[in-house]
Amino acid sequence: MTAARSGPAFSVHDIPFSTHGSWFDISPVVAEKTYAEDLHLVSHQNGMHAVLRLVPLGAATGERTEARVETTPGLLSWSSTDGRIDLSYESPDIVRLRGSGLGISVDAAAQTLTPFSGTYFFRDPAADAHVFTSYETGRRYRVTVLSGTVTGTPGTQTLGSGHRVLAMSAEGNGHWEIAIEELDTARPPYASSATFDAIVESARTSFADFVDQVAPWRSSDTPAAELAAYVLWSATVRPTGLVTRPAVLMSKHWMDKVWSWDHCFNALALAPGCPDLALDQFALPFDHQDDSGALPDSVTHSEVLYNFVKPPIHGWTFGHLRRRLPTPPGPAELTETYDRLERWTGFWLTARRAPGADLPHYQHGNDSGWDNATTFDPERVIETADLAAFLVLQLHELAHLATALDRPDDARRWTQKAEETQAALLDQLWDTDRFVARGADTGDTWSSSSLLDLMPVVLGEHLPGHVSSTLADHIKAHLTPYGLATELPTSPHYLADGYWRGPIWAPATVLVEDGLRRAGHERLADDISARFRALCETHGFAENFDALTGTGLRDRAYTWTASSYLLLAEAHAHRDGR
């Protein structure tokens, strides 16, 4: 199906305006939960930093004027009764702006310059351009005037405190046009033969092609597919710094990292249509695997964190990934993945098993990805059923890969280890009708009202029938009209915006839905899928959602939420024969 050339409209307050490959966006979101009055150029190099404020100016007054902001993929516009300003990406590091009737001021967001922070502003005579150079990002932002009149440059070469501004207006009743580049130290003066309209069309075509690749199955029954694709497309950055591959950040708001389980859902959503990009998403954290075999907690432009890990869902992921790829991975790719998964599994079987223990443990809720789930209230260093279940699936995947690589002894060894780990899970953590957690030091056990305790349903067909049926019954109690609450709504610990103590999350939804379906509970899986899809279609792609109202919470443009919608919508479309 052919996408509309303009693509879906969206609010820039919810989803930042950006393009595939860029490290900056245009947004009023300038820090965690912080919304500015004006749109800013926000860079994600060396962290999230609002560098430039973009302010529409009235032609008659030269002062800030109110303007309505409209956004579609490829084009952002300010408009008022007096005129219009348009902005589009010419390339990942260049935006072009064109105005008529309205002027614009490009201001340094930081008003104080010190020897270690802030933004310096000067005119570069070699490039015939004005440059804002930012300590925070370590990059320069060069503004080249293509047409129109510079009405002021206060703050040029100013040190200390002060406003640093480039103001533009049109000549007569014509247009003005500028280019803003994010660059390192220097490059040739800006030059382009492309018209503004051609740049917009190119950007729209690029996005339309991406949608056709990742969601060719979309229809009126999956109305949020194009916007979900935009969230992924616009959050992708090119390799720079410690980001070794093209990467889909979790967001170009403040959650601007790749966490070592979030990336799995993006890889799966991209696999059929963008296989190379999907494999890059899966592999990126493994590029930073440490000597113990552990994956980092997160990776971003200039920072890799190892103080926590994330759960071993990578075996589950790669099993699905290799079946979703249009061309199965070859021996070299399988060997590399096998070696990396083997080391990752070895970490859990050695560094995370106490002497004499059969099951691995988390050291903190952050290791599980469910940071503050009530499962961790009594103790933090604990053996949990979800961890054991993920490890069982990873061991099975290692056995499958060993078979594919003609390593029968390894395949038998991994299969035996999977069976032993599952037997220990059921023997030590299954208590009559529920799974319990156990303190790795104390040996104390307890259960909670967290959906985390029910996550062993991911074992699907591997679970005994009575166990999967019991888990399915408990999962039903977590269903609200909008999806799976991560804490029972009747629990005294339930919090509407409690992170993992109530809100609906995409990864939990996908993992539970998949496990139920593989265990034969298809009707419940269908119901969970339908509710989550409807939630995204109504409330967007937030980091998580209020389980009782559906309202999007926290970061409002989260890629694993968009990817989870695409995965569930695609499966629904295929089940319906489209």
Protein backbone atom coordinates (compact mmCIF):
# COMPACT_ATOMS: atom_id res chain seq x y z
CA MET A 1 0.00 0.00 0.00
CA THR A 2 1.23 3.53 -0.71
CA ALA A 3 1.64 5.94 2.20
CA ALA A 4 0.29 9.46 1.98
CA ARG A 5 3.21 11.64 0.97
CA SER A 6 2.81 13.95 3.95
CA GLY A 7 2.51 11.14 6.46
CA PRO A 8 0.60 11.32 9.74
CA ALA A 9 0.25 14.58 11.65
CA PHE A 10 1.46 14.54 15.26
CA SER A 11 2.05 16.85 18.19
CA VAL A 12 5.65 17.93 18.62
CA HIS A 13 4.93 18.11 22.34
CA ASP A 14 4.59 14.32 22.30
CA ILE A 15 6.94 13.23 19.52
CA PRO A 16 10.08 15.18 18.62
CA PHE A 17 10.56 16.25 15.01
CA SER A 18 13.69 14.64 13.59
CA THR A 19 14.97 12.45 10.78
CA HIS A 20 16.59 9.07 10.33
CA GLY A 21 20.27 9.28 11.29
CA SER A 22 20.23 12.64 13.05
CA TRP A 23 21.58 13.23 16.54
CA PHE A 24 19.34 16.27 17.09
CA ASP A 25 15.65 17.01 17.04
CA ILE A 26 13.32 20.01 17.12
CA SER A 27 11.12 19.96 20.20
CA PRO A 28 9.87 21.96 23.18
CA VAL A 29 11.05 19.12 25.45
CA VAL A 30 14.41 20.35 26.74
CA ALA A 31 14.99 18.05 29.72
CA GLU A 32 13.24 15.28 31.64
CA LYS A 33 9.58 16.27 32.00
CA THR A 34 10.52 19.85 31.08
CA TYR A 35 8.65 21.69 28.32
CA ALA A 36 9.86 25.08 27.07
CA GLU A 37 7.60 27.76 25.63
CA ASP A 38 9.46 27.71 22.31
CA LEU A 39 10.84 24.95 20.12
CA HIS A 40 14.52 24.16 20.52
CA LEU A 41 17.19 22.38 18.57
CA VAL A 42 18.02 19.61 21.05
CA SER A 43 21.16 17.55 20.55
CA HIS A 44 21.77 14.09 22.01
CA GLN A 45 25.53 14.10 21.68
CA ASN A 46 27.15 13.96 25.14
CA GLY A 47 23.68 13.73 26.66
CA MET A 48 20.46 15.64 26.03
CA HIS A 49 21.13 19.35 25.54
CA ALA A 50 18.88 22.13 24.30
CA VAL A 51 21.32 24.21 22.23
CA LEU A 52 19.30 26.70 20.20
CA ARG A 53 15.90 28.29 20.81
CA LEU A 54 13.87 28.97 17.64
CA VAL A 55 11.51 31.90 18.11
CA PRO A 56 9.04 33.22 15.48
CA LEU A 57 9.06 37.01 15.22
CA GLY A 58 6.34 39.37 14.09
CA ALA A 59 7.34 41.20 10.89
CA ALA A 60 6.09 44.56 12.13
CA THR A 61 7.46 44.42 15.66
CA GLY A 62 10.49 42.14 15.38
CA GLU A 63 9.35 40.67 18.71
CA ARG A 64 8.30 37.14 19.64
CA THR A 65 4.85 36.30 18.30
CA GLU A 66 2.48 33.42 18.89
CA ALA A 67 2.34 30.84 16.12
CA ARG A 68 0.68 27.47 15.74
CA VAL A 69 3.06 24.52 15.27
CA GLU A 70 2.11 21.70 12.88
CA THR A 71 4.20 18.62 12.19
CA THR A 72 4.20 15.76 9.75
CA PRO A 73 7.15 13.56 8.77
CA GLY A 74 9.41 15.74 6.68
CA LEU A 75 7.95 19.15 7.54
CA LEU A 76 7.51 21.26 10.67
CA SER A 77 5.71 24.60 10.37
CA TRP A 78 4.93 27.63 12.50
CA SER A 79 1.95 29.58 11.18
CA SER A 80 -0.06 32.62 12.17
CA THR A 81 -2.27 35.17 10.46
CA ASP A 82 0.90 37.13 9.61
CA GLY A 83 2.87 34.40 7.90
CA ARG A 84 4.60 31.09 8.07
CA ILE A 85 7.95 29.42 8.83
CA ASP A 86 8.82 25.95 7.53
CA LEU A 87 11.62 23.64 8.66
CA SER A 88 12.84 20.42 7.05
CA TYR A 89 15.90 18.18 7.30
CA GLU A 90 18.17 18.34 4.28
CA SER A 91 20.40 15.64 5.79
CA PRO A 92 20.85 14.13 9.26
CA ASP A 93 22.98 17.10 10.36
CA ILE A 94 21.41 19.98 8.39
CA VAL A 95 18.02 21.65 8.67
CA ARG A 96 16.74 24.28 6.29
CA LEU A 97 14.31 26.96 7.40
CA ARG A 98 12.23 29.22 5.18
CA GLY A 99 9.94 32.04 6.27
CA SER A 100 7.43 34.47 4.83
CA GLY A 101 5.63 37.15 6.80
CA LEU A 102 7.27 35.96 10.03
CA GLY A 103 10.88 36.43 11.02
CA ILE A 104 12.88 34.17 13.31
CA SER A 105 15.47 34.48 16.01
CA VAL A 106 17.96 31.70 16.57
CA ASP A 107 19.09 32.10 20.19
CA ALA A 108 21.65 30.28 22.29
CA ALA A 109 19.57 28.44 24.88
CA ALA A 110 22.28 28.91 27.50
CA GLN A 111 22.70 32.55 28.44
CA THR A 112 25.87 32.16 30.50
CA LEU A 113 29.23 31.23 29.02
CA THR A 114 31.96 29.99 31.37
CA PRO A 115 35.33 28.37 30.59
CA PHE A 116 33.57 24.99 30.86
CA SER A 117 29.92 25.46 29.92
CA GLY A 118 27.53 27.39 27.75
CA THR A 119 27.53 28.48 24.12
CA TYR A 120 29.88 30.91 22.39
CA PHE A 121 28.59 32.89 19.39
CA PHE A 122 30.63 34.49 16.63
CA ARG A 123 30.69 35.25 12.92
CA ASP A 124 33.00 32.98 10.92
CA PRO A 125 34.39 35.10 8.03
CA ALA A 126 35.90 32.04 6.30
CA ALA A 127 32.47 30.42 5.90
CA ASP A 128 30.43 33.66 5.78
CA ALA A 129 28.23 32.22 8.51
CA HIS A 130 27.42 32.63 12.18
CA VAL A 131 28.42 29.88 14.59
CA PHE A 132 27.14 28.80 17.99
CA THR A 133 29.68 26.47 19.62
CA SER A 134 28.41 24.40 22.58
CA TYR A 135 30.48 23.12 25.47
CA GLU A 136 27.73 20.65 26.43
CA THR A 137 27.55 18.82 23.11
CA GLY A 138 31.12 19.51 22.00
CA ARG A 139 29.72 20.49 18.60
CA ARG A 140 29.20 23.62 16.53
CA TYR A 141 25.95 24.89 15.05
CA ARG A 142 26.58 26.96 11.95
CA VAL A 143 23.89 29.24 10.55
CA THR A 144 24.23 30.24 6.91
CA VAL A 145 21.93 32.90 5.46
CA LEU A 146 20.67 31.91 2.00
CA SER A 147 18.26 34.82 1.49
CA GLY A 148 16.67 37.56 3.54
CA THR A 149 18.04 40.11 5.98
CA VAL A 150 19.94 39.64 9.20
CA THR A 151 18.28 42.16 11.51
CA GLY A 152 20.56 41.65 14.47
CA THR A 153 23.34 39.57 15.98
CA PRO A 154 23.53 40.69 19.61
CA GLY A 155 25.97 38.73 21.74
CA THR A 156 28.56 38.16 19.02
CA GLN A 157 31.87 37.25 20.74
CA THR A 158 30.31 38.02 24.14
CA LEU A 159 31.82 36.31 27.16
CA GLY A 160 30.04 35.68 30.45
CA SER A 161 26.31 36.32 30.61
CA GLY A 162 24.27 37.69 27.74
CA HIS A 163 21.83 36.96 24.95
CA ARG A 164 23.40 35.47 21.82
CA VAL A 165 21.01 35.80 18.90
CA LEU A 166 20.80 35.72 15.12
CA ALA A 167 17.56 37.42 13.98
CA MET A 168 16.18 37.14 10.43
CA SER A 169 13.46 38.81 8.42
CA ALA A 170 12.37 38.84 4.79
CA GLU A 171 13.34 41.48 2.27
CA GLY A 172 10.18 43.36 1.35
CA ASN A 173 7.36 40.88 0.90
CA GLY A 174 9.68 38.02 -0.01
CA HIS A 175 11.09 35.04 1.83
CA TRP A 176 14.10 34.47 4.01
CA GLU A 177 15.93 31.17 4.17
CA ILE A 178 18.72 29.79 6.36
CA ALA A 179 20.55 26.50 6.90
CA ILE A 180 21.62 25.24 10.34
CA GLU A 181 24.32 22.58 10.49
CA GLU A 182 25.53 20.48 13.41
CA LEU A 183 29.24 19.90 12.77
CA ASP A 184 32.52 19.12 14.46
CA THR A 185 35.35 21.64 13.99
CA ALA A 186 35.12 22.78 10.39
CA ARG A 187 33.81 21.94 6.94
CA PRO A 188 33.57 23.83 3.62
CA PRO A 189 31.07 26.69 3.51
CA TYR A 190 27.49 25.52 3.18
CA ALA A 191 26.31 25.16 -0.40
CA SER A 192 23.27 23.41 -1.80
CA SER A 193 21.46 23.49 -5.11
CA ALA A 194 18.35 21.82 -3.67
CA THR A 195 15.24 23.95 -3.33
CA PHE A 196 13.35 23.94 -0.07
CA ASP A 197 10.39 22.17 -1.65
CA ALA A 198 12.68 19.47 -3.05
CA ILE A 199 14.17 18.94 0.41
CA VAL A 200 10.71 18.47 1.91
CA GLU A 201 9.72 16.02 -0.81
CA SER A 202 12.93 14.04 -0.32
CA ALA A 203 12.33 13.79 3.42
CA ARG A 204 8.75 12.68 2.91
CA THR A 205 9.79 10.09 0.35
CA SER A 206 12.44 8.71 2.69
CA PHE A 207 9.88 8.22 5.42
CA ALA A 208 7.26 6.81 3.05
CA ASP A 209 9.78 4.23 1.82
CA PHE A 210 10.57 3.26 5.42
CA VAL A 211 6.88 2.78 6.24
CA ASP A 212 6.44 0.56 3.21
CA GLN A 213 9.37 -1.55 4.39
CA VAL A 214 8.36 -2.01 8.03
CA ALA A 215 4.56 -2.03 7.72
CA PRO A 216 3.47 -3.15 4.24
CA TRP A 217 0.57 -5.01 5.90
CA ARG A 218 -1.02 -1.86 7.39
CA SER A 219 -4.67 -1.00 6.81
CA SER A 220 -7.50 0.90 8.41
CA ASP A 221 -7.54 -1.81 11.09
CA THR A 222 -4.05 -0.74 12.19
CA PRO A 223 -4.41 3.06 12.13
CA ALA A 224 -1.33 3.84 14.26
CA ALA A 225 1.15 1.90 12.13
CA GLU A 226 2.51 4.90 10.22
CA LEU A 227 2.99 6.98 13.35
CA ALA A 228 4.67 4.04 15.08
CA ALA A 229 7.02 3.78 12.12
CA TYR A 230 7.76 7.50 12.37
CA VAL A 231 8.73 7.13 16.04
CA LEU A 232 11.27 4.47 15.03
CA TRP A 233 12.50 6.25 11.88
CA SER A 234 12.99 9.59 13.60
CA ALA A 235 14.70 8.12 16.69
CA THR A 236 17.40 6.38 14.63
CA VAL A 237 20.92 7.84 14.84
CA ARG A 238 24.00 7.19 12.73
CA PRO A 239 27.10 5.54 14.29
CA THR A 240 28.97 8.14 16.34
CA GLY A 241 31.06 8.00 19.50
CA LEU A 242 30.36 4.83 21.46
CA VAL A 243 27.35 3.98 19.30
CA THR A 244 29.04 1.50 16.99
CA ARG A 245 26.14 0.90 14.58
CA PRO A 246 23.05 2.69 13.30
CA ALA A 247 20.93 2.71 16.45
CA VAL A 248 17.32 3.28 17.36
CA LEU A 249 17.41 5.26 20.59
CA MET A 250 14.63 4.58 23.03
CA SER A 251 13.61 8.18 22.44
CA LYS A 252 14.85 11.54 21.29
CA HIS A 253 13.40 12.95 24.47
CA TRP A 254 15.33 12.31 27.69
CA MET A 255 15.38 8.50 27.37
CA ASP A 256 18.02 8.88 24.68
CA LYS A 257 19.93 5.63 25.18
CA VAL A 258 19.92 2.02 24.04
CA TRP A 259 19.15 -0.19 27.02
CA SER A 260 20.13 -3.84 26.84
CA TRP A 261 16.66 -5.28 26.60
CA ASP A 262 14.71 -2.42 25.01
CA HIS A 263 16.73 -2.90 21.81
CA CYS A 264 15.33 -6.41 21.37
CA PHE A 265 11.81 -5.21 20.57
CA ASN A 266 13.06 -2.70 18.03
CA ALA A 267 15.11 -5.42 16.35
CA LEU A 268 12.06 -7.68 16.06
CA ALA A 269 9.80 -4.97 14.61
CA LEU A 270 12.38 -4.01 11.99
CA ALA A 271 13.41 -7.53 10.97
CA PRO A 272 11.16 -8.29 7.97
CA GLY A 273 11.56 -4.95 6.20
CA CYS A 274 14.92 -3.59 7.43
CA PRO A 275 16.95 -6.72 8.23
CA ASP A 276 20.35 -5.04 8.39
CA LEU A 277 19.08 -2.35 10.74
CA ALA A 278 17.35 -5.04 12.83
CA LEU A 279 20.55 -7.07 13.19
CA ASP A 280 22.41 -3.91 14.16
CA GLN A 281 19.87 -3.28 16.92
CA PHE A 282 20.30 -6.79 18.29
CA ALA A 283 24.09 -6.68 18.13
CA LEU A 284 24.83 -3.18 19.44
CA PRO A 285 24.96 -3.95 23.21
CA PHE A 286 27.01 -7.06 22.47
CA ASP A 287 29.67 -4.79 20.95
CA HIS A 288 30.26 -3.65 24.54
CA GLN A 289 30.07 -7.07 26.23
CA ASP A 290 32.60 -7.13 29.08
CA ASP A 291 35.14 -9.79 30.05
CA SER A 292 32.63 -11.55 32.33
CA GLY A 293 30.19 -11.93 29.43
CA ALA A 294 27.80 -9.33 30.83
CA LEU A 295 26.05 -6.83 28.62
CA PRO A 296 26.08 -3.18 29.68
CA ASP A 297 23.01 -1.67 31.20
CA SER A 298 22.92 1.00 28.50
CA VAL A 299 24.84 2.57 25.64
CA THR A 300 24.70 6.09 24.31
CA HIS A 301 26.85 8.57 22.42
CA SER A 302 29.54 9.07 25.06
CA GLU A 303 28.64 6.70 27.88
CA VAL A 304 28.43 2.96 28.49
CA LEU A 305 27.06 1.96 31.91
CA TYR A 306 27.87 -1.37 33.59
CA ASN A 307 26.58 -0.79 37.13
CA PHE A 308 23.45 -2.83 36.38
CA VAL A 309 22.53 -5.37 33.69
CA LYS A 310 19.25 -6.25 32.03
CA PRO A 311 17.42 -9.61 31.85
CA PRO A 312 18.62 -12.32 29.43
CA ILE A 313 15.74 -12.12 26.95
CA HIS A 314 18.21 -12.29 24.06
CA GLY A 315 17.79 -16.00 23.40
CA TRP A 316 14.02 -15.53 23.17
CA THR A 317 14.65 -12.54 20.92
CA PHE A 318 17.09 -14.18 18.55
CA GLY A 319 14.85 -17.21 18.12
CA HIS A 320 12.08 -14.92 16.90
CA LEU A 321 14.49 -12.68 15.00
CA ARG A 322 16.02 -15.37 12.81
CA ARG A 323 12.54 -16.58 11.86
CA ARG A 324 11.41 -13.04 10.97
CA LEU A 325 14.40 -12.13 8.82
CA PRO A 326 13.71 -12.41 5.07
CA THR A 327 17.02 -14.26 4.64
CA PRO A 328 18.14 -16.56 7.46
CA PRO A 329 21.49 -15.65 9.03
CA GLY A 330 24.47 -17.44 7.51
CA PRO A 331 27.04 -19.56 9.37
CA ALA A 332 29.32 -16.61 10.19
CA GLU A 333 26.45 -14.58 11.68
CA LEU A 334 25.16 -17.59 13.61
CA THR A 335 28.62 -18.33 14.97
CA GLU A 336 29.11 -14.77 16.18
CA THR A 337 25.69 -14.72 17.85
CA TYR A 338 26.24 -18.16 19.36
CA ASP A 339 29.54 -17.07 20.90
CA ARG A 340 28.02 -13.87 22.29
CA LEU A 341 24.95 -15.62 23.72
CA GLU A 342 27.17 -18.31 25.22
CA ARG A 343 29.21 -15.69 27.08
CA TRP A 344 26.06 -13.84 28.19
CA THR A 345 24.56 -17.09 29.47
CA GLY A 346 27.84 -17.95 31.19
CA PHE A 347 27.63 -14.68 33.12
CA TRP A 348 24.30 -15.70 34.64
CA LEU A 349 25.46 -19.25 35.39
CA THR A 350 28.67 -18.13 37.12
CA ALA A 351 28.75 -14.52 38.33
CA ARG A 352 25.04 -14.59 39.21
CA ARG A 353 24.72 -17.97 40.93
CA ALA A 354 25.61 -18.25 44.60
CA PRO A 355 27.76 -21.29 45.58
CA GLY A 356 25.58 -24.39 45.50
CA ALA A 357 22.62 -22.53 43.96
CA ASP A 358 20.76 -23.95 40.97
CA LEU A 359 19.18 -20.65 39.96
CA PRO A 360 20.70 -17.23 39.15
CA HIS A 361 19.78 -14.04 40.97
CA TYR A 362 19.27 -10.37 40.36
CA GLN A 363 21.14 -7.86 42.53
CA HIS A 364 18.55 -5.09 42.19
CA GLY A 365 15.23 -4.50 40.49
CA ASN A 366 17.06 -2.56 37.78
CA ASP A 367 18.68 -5.83 36.62
CA SER A 368 15.23 -7.21 35.80
CA GLY A 369 14.20 -4.13 33.84
CA TRP A 370 11.27 -3.82 36.30
CA ASP A 371 13.16 -1.35 38.47
CA ASN A 372 10.77 -0.86 41.39
CA ALA A 373 8.40 -3.84 41.02
CA THR A 374 6.93 -5.00 44.32
CA THR A 375 8.63 -8.37 43.90
CA PHE A 376 11.78 -6.57 45.13
CA ASP A 377 10.20 -4.97 48.21
CA PRO A 378 11.30 -7.56 50.82
CA GLU A 379 14.84 -7.92 49.42
CA ARG A 380 16.75 -6.88 46.33
CA VAL A 381 19.31 -9.69 45.82
CA ILE A 382 16.85 -12.39 44.84
CA GLU A 383 16.20 -15.44 42.70
CA THR A 384 13.08 -14.85 40.62
CA ALA A 385 11.01 -17.02 38.35
CA ASP A 386 11.12 -14.62 35.41
CA LEU A 387 14.95 -14.70 35.36
CA ALA A 388 15.03 -18.48 35.42
CA ALA A 389 12.43 -18.66 32.65
CA PHE A 390 14.34 -16.27 30.38
CA LEU A 391 17.50 -18.27 31.00
CA VAL A 392 15.73 -21.52 30.07
CA LEU A 393 14.66 -20.00 26.75
CA GLN A 394 18.18 -18.73 26.13
CA LEU A 395 19.61 -22.18 26.80
CA HIS A 396 17.14 -23.70 24.34
CA GLU A 397 18.17 -21.12 21.72
CA LEU A 398 21.83 -21.98 22.26
CA ALA A 399 20.90 -25.63 21.65
CA HIS A 400 19.12 -24.67 18.40
CA LEU A 401 22.11 -22.63 17.25
CA ALA A 402 24.52 -25.42 18.14
CA THR A 403 22.45 -27.81 16.03
CA ALA A 404 22.45 -25.37 13.11
CA LEU A 405 26.23 -25.07 13.43
CA ASP A 406 26.66 -28.87 13.53
CA ARG A 407 27.80 -28.99 17.13
CA PRO A 408 25.71 -31.91 18.47
CA ASP A 409 27.58 -32.25 21.76
CA ASP A 410 26.99 -28.59 22.55
CA ALA A 411 23.33 -28.93 21.58
CA ARG A 412 22.86 -31.83 24.01
CA ARG A 413 24.69 -29.94 26.76
CA TRP A 414 22.54 -26.83 26.38
CA THR A 415 19.32 -28.85 26.20
CA GLN A 416 20.25 -30.68 29.38
CA LYS A 417 21.06 -27.40 31.12
CA ALA A 418 17.72 -25.95 30.03
CA GLU A 419 15.87 -28.95 31.42
CA GLU A 420 17.81 -28.80 34.69
CA THR A 421 17.15 -25.08 35.10
CA GLN A 422 13.43 -25.48 34.40
CA ALA A 423 13.22 -28.40 36.83
CA ALA A 424 14.89 -26.25 39.51
CA LEU A 425 12.50 -23.39 38.73
CA LEU A 426 9.44 -25.56 39.21
CA ASP A 427 10.83 -27.44 42.20
CA GLN A 428 12.15 -24.44 44.12
CA LEU A 429 10.00 -21.46 43.14
CA TRP A 430 6.58 -22.93 42.26
CA ASP A 431 4.38 -22.95 45.37
CA THR A 432 0.98 -24.62 44.84
CA ASP A 433 -0.54 -22.04 42.49
CA ARG A 434 2.07 -19.30 42.07
CA PHE A 435 5.74 -18.58 41.69
CA VAL A 436 7.63 -17.09 44.60
CA ALA A 437 10.87 -15.12 44.83
CA ARG A 438 13.68 -16.16 47.15
CA GLY A 439 16.39 -14.13 48.86
CA ALA A 440 19.79 -15.23 47.58
CA ASP A 441 21.33 -14.68 51.04
CA THR A 442 18.45 -15.36 53.41
CA GLY A 443 16.59 -18.16 51.62
CA ASP A 444 13.32 -16.48 52.57
CA THR A 445 10.51 -16.76 49.99
CA TRP A 446 7.53 -14.55 49.21
CA SER A 447 5.04 -13.73 46.50
CA SER A 448 3.76 -10.34 45.39
CA SER A 449 0.99 -8.75 43.37
CA SER A 450 3.39 -7.85 40.56
CA LEU A 451 2.90 -9.12 37.03
CA LEU A 452 6.62 -9.93 37.20
CA ASP A 453 5.81 -13.04 39.24
CA LEU A 454 3.73 -14.31 36.29
CA MET A 455 6.36 -13.75 33.60
CA PRO A 456 7.40 -17.46 33.47
CA VAL A 457 4.44 -17.73 31.11
CA VAL A 458 7.07 -16.81 28.48
CA LEU A 459 8.10 -20.47 28.61
CA GLY A 460 4.94 -21.17 26.62
CA GLU A 461 4.96 -24.70 25.26
CA HIS A 462 7.70 -25.74 27.71
CA LEU A 463 5.45 -25.26 30.76
CA PRO A 464 3.33 -28.07 32.24
CA GLY A 465 -0.30 -27.49 31.28
CA HIS A 466 -1.56 -26.93 34.82
CA VAL A 467 1.14 -24.31 35.44
CA SER A 468 0.44 -22.32 32.27
CA SER A 469 -3.33 -22.48 32.92
CA THR A 470 -2.87 -21.23 36.47
CA LEU A 471 -0.63 -18.41 35.27
CA ALA A 472 -3.20 -17.51 32.61
CA ASP A 473 -5.89 -17.22 35.28
CA HIS A 474 -3.70 -14.91 37.36
CA ILE A 475 -2.83 -12.83 34.29
CA LYS A 476 -6.53 -12.21 33.65
CA ALA A 477 -6.72 -10.43 37.00
CA HIS A 478 -4.16 -7.88 35.75
CA LEU A 479 -6.25 -6.98 32.68
CA THR A 480 -7.85 -3.55 32.67
CA PRO A 481 -9.79 -2.13 29.70
CA TYR A 482 -6.42 -0.86 28.42
CA GLY A 483 -4.15 -3.83 29.00
CA LEU A 484 -1.97 -5.55 31.56
CA ALA A 485 -1.36 -3.60 34.77
CA THR A 486 2.09 -4.38 36.15
CA GLU A 487 0.68 -4.36 39.69
CA LEU A 488 -2.78 -5.66 40.52
CA PRO A 489 -5.07 -2.62 40.61
CA THR A 490 -6.52 -3.97 43.87
CA SER A 491 -3.09 -4.09 45.50
CA PRO A 492 -2.35 -1.58 48.29
CA HIS A 493 0.94 -0.92 46.49
CA TYR A 494 -0.72 0.04 43.19
CA LEU A 495 0.24 3.52 41.95
CA ALA A 496 -1.28 5.11 38.85
CA ASP A 497 2.09 6.60 37.84
CA GLY A 498 4.19 4.16 39.83
CA TYR A 499 6.53 3.06 37.04
CA TRP A 500 6.50 -0.76 37.42
CA ARG A 501 3.97 -0.66 40.28
CA GLY A 502 0.85 -0.34 38.14
CA PRO A 503 1.26 1.19 34.67
CA ILE A 504 0.97 -0.81 31.45
CA TRP A 505 4.28 -1.46 29.67
CA ALA A 506 4.87 -2.63 26.13
CA PRO A 507 7.60 -5.27 26.73
CA ALA A 508 5.63 -7.08 29.40
CA THR A 509 2.64 -7.09 27.06
CA VAL A 510 4.57 -8.61 24.15
CA LEU A 511 6.31 -11.24 26.27
CA VAL A 512 3.12 -12.33 28.02
CA GLU A 513 1.11 -12.36 24.79
CA ASP A 514 3.74 -14.51 23.07
CA GLY A 515 4.01 -16.97 25.96
CA LEU A 516 0.25 -17.37 26.25
CA ARG A 517 -0.10 -17.93 22.53
CA ARG A 518 2.64 -20.56 22.46
CA ALA A 519 1.02 -22.27 25.47
CA GLY A 520 -2.31 -22.50 23.63
CA HIS A 521 -4.16 -19.69 25.42
CA GLU A 522 -4.92 -17.92 22.16
CA ARG A 523 -8.18 -16.24 23.17
CA LEU A 524 -6.52 -14.48 26.11
CA ALA A 525 -3.52 -13.59 23.94
CA ASP A 526 -5.88 -12.08 21.34
CA ASP A 527 -7.61 -10.03 24.02
CA ILE A 528 -4.31 -8.67 25.40
CA SER A 529 -3.13 -7.80 21.90
CA ALA A 530 -6.37 -6.02 21.01
CA ARG A 531 -6.42 -3.94 24.18
CA PHE A 532 -2.80 -2.83 23.82
CA ARG A 533 -3.24 -1.95 20.14
CA ALA A 534 -6.32 0.12 20.97
CA LEU A 535 -4.38 1.81 23.78
CA CYS A 536 -1.62 2.93 21.39
CA GLU A 537 -4.11 3.99 18.73
CA THR A 538 -5.80 6.28 21.27
CA HIS A 539 -2.95 7.40 23.53
CA GLY A 540 0.20 7.09 21.43
CA PHE A 541 3.54 5.51 22.21
CA ALA A 542 4.42 6.59 25.71
CA GLU A 543 7.00 4.89 27.90
CA ASN A 544 4.10 3.47 29.92
CA PHE A 545 0.40 4.10 30.49
CA ASP A 546 -2.01 4.61 33.36
CA ALA A 547 -3.66 1.20 33.60
CA LEU A 548 -7.05 2.61 34.63
CA THR A 549 -7.34 5.62 32.30
CA GLY A 550 -4.99 4.75 29.43
CA THR A 551 -3.19 8.10 29.72
CA GLY A 552 0.36 8.06 28.41
CA LEU A 553 3.02 8.57 31.10
CA ARG A 554 6.65 9.61 31.29
CA ASP A 555 8.52 9.83 27.97
CA ARG A 556 5.84 10.18 25.29
CA ALA A 557 7.78 8.93 22.26
CA TYR A 558 9.24 5.57 23.25
CA THR A 559 10.45 3.31 20.49
CA TRP A 560 9.93 -0.05 22.17
CA THR A 561 6.28 0.90 22.61
CA ALA A 562 6.03 1.76 18.91
CA SER A 563 7.81 -1.48 17.99
CA SER A 564 5.54 -3.52 20.23
CA TYR A 565 2.51 -2.00 18.53
CA LEU A 566 3.98 -2.88 15.12
CA LEU A 567 4.68 -6.47 16.22
CA LEU A 568 1.18 -7.02 17.56
CA ALA A 569 -0.51 -5.19 14.68
CA GLU A 570 1.43 -7.17 12.08
CA ALA A 571 0.55 -10.47 13.74
CA HIS A 572 -3.10 -9.42 13.95
CA ALA A 573 -3.12 -8.45 10.28
CA HIS A 574 -1.63 -11.79 9.25
CA ARG A 575 -4.05 -13.76 11.42
CA ASP A 576 -6.88 -11.92 9.68
CA GLY A 577 -5.47 -12.94 6.31
CA ARG A 578 -4.32 -9.50 5.12
